[in-house]
Amino acid sequence: MSPLYADDTLLVFDKPSGLLAVPGRGADKQDCLSARAQARYPDALIVHRLDMATSGLMVMARGPAAQRELSKAFSAREVKKRYIAIVAGRLEAPPEGWGIIDLPIIVDWPNRPLRIVDHQFGKPSVTRWRVLGNNGIGLSTRVELEPATGRSHQLRVHLRELGHPILGDALYAPPDVQALSGRLLLHAWSLGFVHPLSGQRLAFECPAPF
């Protein structure tokens, strides 16, 4: 699998929808981005993940030292990530341009791997969002999302709670919204961070394929 960018410290890939980021349980879940990357770059190590159904930009470190530095940047929220999604219904743009969803998320233990909003026990979870446009008849809205935190399924849960689940979301959308797309319409299109070795600010973009 060819990266969009490669140097001696890191790699950046465009992960397709339907491909795991890391191996899953079972022989049938060993094909994944990390395995494909390591076949060409044996020192490639995971720094963060995208859901299997989500497409878009992922960075991998080359070697443990780079992995430590990039992991610190993600933990400190120094990595800027933006996503494109298409959601069900007509989502009105907030007056100030960007809106904020601030809803704590926790694992729904009886229904793992699902997540739910839990105001008592959930971990703080914040997403900035803005409307890019809609399809003209109110059936769907194109939005840009910027997660300030990195909880699993955060964007999917937050948009569902907003009343506008992502099209094709097999976990959080009702059947009629799932049926509107053959894949989850969520794509990590923009990624920005400081190079752990050179200190240079890097910015990558990969347009949504939908």
Protein backbone atom coordinates (compact mmCIF):
# COMPACT_ATOMS: atom_id res chain seq x y z
CA MET A 1 0.00 0.00 0.00
CA SER A 2 1.57 3.28 -1.09
CA PRO A 3 1.59 6.22 1.33
CA LEU A 4 0.59 9.76 0.40
CA TYR A 5 3.74 10.92 2.20
CA ALA A 6 6.81 9.12 3.49
CA ASP A 7 10.09 10.06 5.15
CA ASP A 8 12.42 8.39 7.63
CA THR A 9 10.19 9.38 10.59
CA LEU A 10 6.57 8.98 9.53
CA LEU A 11 4.09 7.82 6.91
CA VAL A 12 0.70 9.21 5.92
CA PHE A 13 -1.92 6.98 4.29
CA ASP A 14 -5.42 7.36 2.87
CA LYS A 15 -7.24 4.45 4.51
CA PRO A 16 -10.16 3.13 2.48
CA SER A 17 -13.54 2.51 4.05
CA GLY A 18 -13.95 -1.13 5.04
CA LEU A 19 -10.30 -1.68 5.94
CA LEU A 20 -9.34 -2.19 9.58
CA ALA A 21 -6.68 0.14 11.00
CA VAL A 22 -5.13 -2.67 13.09
CA PRO A 23 -5.67 -6.45 13.15
CA GLY A 24 -8.88 -7.73 14.69
CA ARG A 25 -9.65 -11.02 16.39
CA GLY A 26 -9.66 -14.02 14.09
CA ALA A 27 -7.80 -15.10 10.98
CA ASP A 28 -10.26 -13.25 8.76
CA LYS A 29 -9.44 -9.88 10.37
CA GLN A 30 -5.67 -9.78 9.87
CA ASP A 31 -5.74 -7.67 6.70
CA CYS A 32 -5.48 -4.07 7.87
CA LEU A 33 -3.71 -0.79 7.19
CA SER A 34 -0.92 -1.48 9.68
CA ALA A 35 -0.18 -4.91 8.17
CA ARG A 36 -0.15 -3.51 4.64
CA ALA A 37 2.12 -0.65 5.71
CA GLN A 38 4.50 -2.98 7.57
CA ALA A 39 4.81 -5.22 4.51
CA ARG A 40 6.56 -2.30 2.79
CA TYR A 41 7.88 -0.41 5.83
CA PRO A 42 8.74 -2.95 8.58
CA ASP A 43 9.31 -0.19 11.15
CA ALA A 44 5.83 1.32 10.71
CA LEU A 45 3.93 1.65 14.02
CA ILE A 46 0.37 2.72 14.82
CA VAL A 47 -0.17 6.12 16.43
CA HIS A 48 -3.95 6.55 16.14
CA ARG A 49 -6.87 4.76 14.52
CA LEU A 50 -9.88 5.30 12.31
CA ASP A 51 -12.99 3.15 12.51
CA MET A 52 -13.08 0.37 9.92
CA ALA A 53 -16.01 2.08 8.19
CA THR A 54 -14.33 5.51 8.14
CA SER A 55 -11.99 6.48 5.31
CA GLY A 56 -9.24 9.06 5.20
CA LEU A 57 -5.91 10.25 6.52
CA MET A 58 -3.90 8.23 9.03
CA VAL A 59 -0.34 8.86 10.16
CA MET A 60 2.01 6.05 11.20
CA ALA A 61 5.37 6.44 12.95
CA ARG A 62 8.59 4.84 11.81
CA GLY A 63 10.17 3.37 14.91
CA PRO A 64 9.44 3.67 18.65
CA ALA A 65 10.96 7.14 19.14
CA ALA A 66 8.75 8.71 16.47
CA GLN A 67 5.77 6.75 17.82
CA ARG A 68 6.30 8.21 21.31
CA GLU A 69 6.50 11.78 20.03
CA LEU A 70 3.49 11.51 17.74
CA SER A 71 1.47 9.76 20.45
CA LYS A 72 2.26 12.63 22.83
CA ALA A 73 1.03 15.12 20.23
CA PHE A 74 -2.27 13.24 19.86
CA SER A 75 -2.68 12.96 23.64
CA ALA A 76 -2.00 16.68 24.08
CA ARG A 77 -4.57 17.48 21.35
CA GLU A 78 -1.89 19.15 19.26
CA VAL A 79 -2.94 17.29 16.11
CA LYS A 80 -5.61 19.09 14.05
CA LYS A 81 -8.08 16.72 12.42
CA ARG A 82 -11.07 17.56 10.26
CA TYR A 83 -13.65 15.27 8.74
CA ILE A 84 -16.36 15.47 6.09
CA ALA A 85 -19.67 13.70 6.69
CA ILE A 86 -23.08 13.56 5.07
CA VAL A 87 -25.86 13.36 7.61
CA ALA A 88 -29.56 12.66 7.41
CA GLY A 89 -32.03 15.52 7.16
CA ARG A 90 -31.59 19.25 6.90
CA LEU A 91 -29.14 20.45 9.54
CA GLU A 92 -29.38 24.21 10.01
CA ALA A 93 -26.12 26.12 10.23
CA PRO A 94 -25.42 27.72 13.61
CA PRO A 95 -25.55 31.56 13.56
CA GLU A 96 -21.86 31.89 14.42
CA GLY A 97 -20.77 29.50 11.65
CA TRP A 98 -19.33 26.76 13.87
CA GLY A 99 -21.39 24.88 16.44
CA ILE A 100 -20.20 22.83 19.38
CA ILE A 101 -21.45 19.44 20.57
CA ASP A 102 -20.34 18.87 24.17
CA LEU A 103 -21.69 15.49 25.30
CA PRO A 104 -19.75 12.97 27.45
CA ILE A 105 -19.36 9.48 26.00
CA ILE A 106 -18.92 6.07 27.60
CA VAL A 107 -18.85 2.47 26.38
CA ASP A 108 -22.29 0.87 26.34
CA TRP A 109 -21.01 -2.25 28.12
CA PRO A 110 -23.99 -4.56 27.46
CA ASN A 111 -23.87 -3.58 23.78
CA ARG A 112 -20.15 -3.26 23.05
CA PRO A 113 -18.61 -1.85 20.87
CA LEU A 114 -21.39 0.76 20.91
CA ARG A 115 -20.94 4.04 22.78
CA ILE A 116 -23.59 6.14 24.49
CA VAL A 117 -23.87 9.60 26.01
CA ASP A 118 -23.73 9.42 29.81
CA HIS A 119 -23.74 12.70 31.74
CA GLN A 120 -22.74 11.00 35.00
CA PHE A 121 -19.94 8.64 33.97
CA GLY A 122 -19.06 9.62 30.40
CA LYS A 123 -15.68 11.07 29.42
CA PRO A 124 -15.69 14.68 28.19
CA SER A 125 -16.22 14.70 24.43
CA VAL A 126 -16.34 17.83 22.28
CA THR A 127 -16.91 18.23 18.55
CA ARG A 128 -16.94 21.45 16.51
CA TRP A 129 -19.10 21.37 13.38
CA ARG A 130 -20.27 23.52 10.51
CA VAL A 131 -22.63 23.12 7.58
CA LEU A 132 -21.08 23.02 4.10
CA GLY A 133 -24.35 22.60 2.20
CA ASN A 134 -27.37 20.38 1.67
CA ASN A 135 -28.87 18.52 -1.21
CA GLY A 136 -31.57 21.11 -1.83
CA ILE A 137 -34.57 19.03 -0.82
CA GLY A 138 -33.62 18.57 2.81
CA LEU A 139 -32.79 14.88 2.67
CA SER A 140 -29.17 15.25 3.70
CA THR A 141 -26.57 17.80 4.79
CA ARG A 142 -22.84 17.94 4.16
CA VAL A 143 -20.89 18.94 7.29
CA GLU A 144 -17.31 19.49 8.34
CA LEU A 145 -16.33 18.17 11.77
CA GLU A 146 -13.41 18.97 14.04
CA PRO A 147 -13.08 16.72 17.09
CA ALA A 148 -11.48 18.48 20.07
CA THR A 149 -11.31 15.10 21.85
CA GLY A 150 -10.67 11.66 20.39
CA ARG A 151 -13.24 9.27 21.84
CA SER A 152 -14.10 6.11 19.94
CA HIS A 153 -17.13 6.67 17.69
CA GLN A 154 -17.30 10.28 18.92
CA LEU A 155 -18.42 11.89 15.67
CA ARG A 156 -20.95 9.15 14.95
CA VAL A 157 -22.47 9.34 18.45
CA HIS A 158 -22.52 13.15 18.54
CA LEU A 159 -24.30 13.48 15.21
CA ARG A 160 -26.81 10.81 16.19
CA GLU A 161 -27.49 12.76 19.40
CA LEU A 162 -27.93 15.91 17.32
CA GLY A 163 -30.73 14.08 15.52
CA HIS A 164 -28.81 13.77 12.25
CA PRO A 165 -27.03 10.39 12.04
CA ILE A 166 -24.42 9.84 9.35
CA LEU A 167 -25.66 8.16 6.18
CA GLY A 168 -24.66 4.50 5.96
CA ASP A 169 -23.87 4.23 9.69
CA ALA A 170 -24.56 0.59 10.53
CA LEU A 171 -24.08 1.18 14.27
CA TYR A 172 -25.89 4.41 15.06
CA ALA A 173 -28.33 5.20 12.26
CA PRO A 174 -31.86 3.77 11.88
CA PRO A 175 -32.34 1.29 9.01
CA ASP A 176 -33.72 3.87 6.57
CA VAL A 177 -30.66 6.11 7.03
CA GLN A 178 -28.29 3.13 6.84
CA ALA A 179 -29.88 2.21 3.51
CA LEU A 180 -29.10 5.61 1.95
CA SER A 181 -25.44 4.67 1.42
CA GLY A 182 -23.47 1.49 0.89
CA ARG A 183 -20.74 2.84 3.20
CA LEU A 184 -20.41 5.17 6.17
CA LEU A 185 -20.17 8.69 4.72
CA LEU A 186 -17.43 9.87 7.07
CA HIS A 187 -13.96 10.78 5.81
CA ALA A 188 -10.89 12.20 7.57
CA TRP A 189 -9.94 14.80 4.99
CA SER A 190 -7.45 17.07 6.81
CA LEU A 191 -4.58 16.33 9.20
CA GLY A 192 -2.06 18.78 10.63
CA PHE A 193 0.76 18.30 13.14
CA VAL A 194 4.37 19.18 13.92
CA HIS A 195 7.01 16.86 12.50
CA PRO A 196 8.55 15.12 15.54
CA LEU A 197 12.10 15.40 14.20
CA SER A 198 12.33 18.61 12.15
CA GLY A 199 9.73 20.65 14.07
CA GLN A 200 8.17 21.67 10.74
CA ARG A 201 4.41 22.10 10.64
CA LEU A 202 2.92 19.52 8.27
CA ALA A 203 -0.54 19.69 6.74
CA PHE A 204 -2.20 17.02 4.61
CA GLU A 205 -5.49 17.05 2.74
CA CYS A 206 -7.37 14.24 1.00
CA PRO A 207 -10.78 15.14 -0.49
CA ALA A 208 -13.76 13.00 0.45
CA PRO A 209 -14.61 10.35 -2.17
CA PHE A 210 -18.32 11.17 -1.83
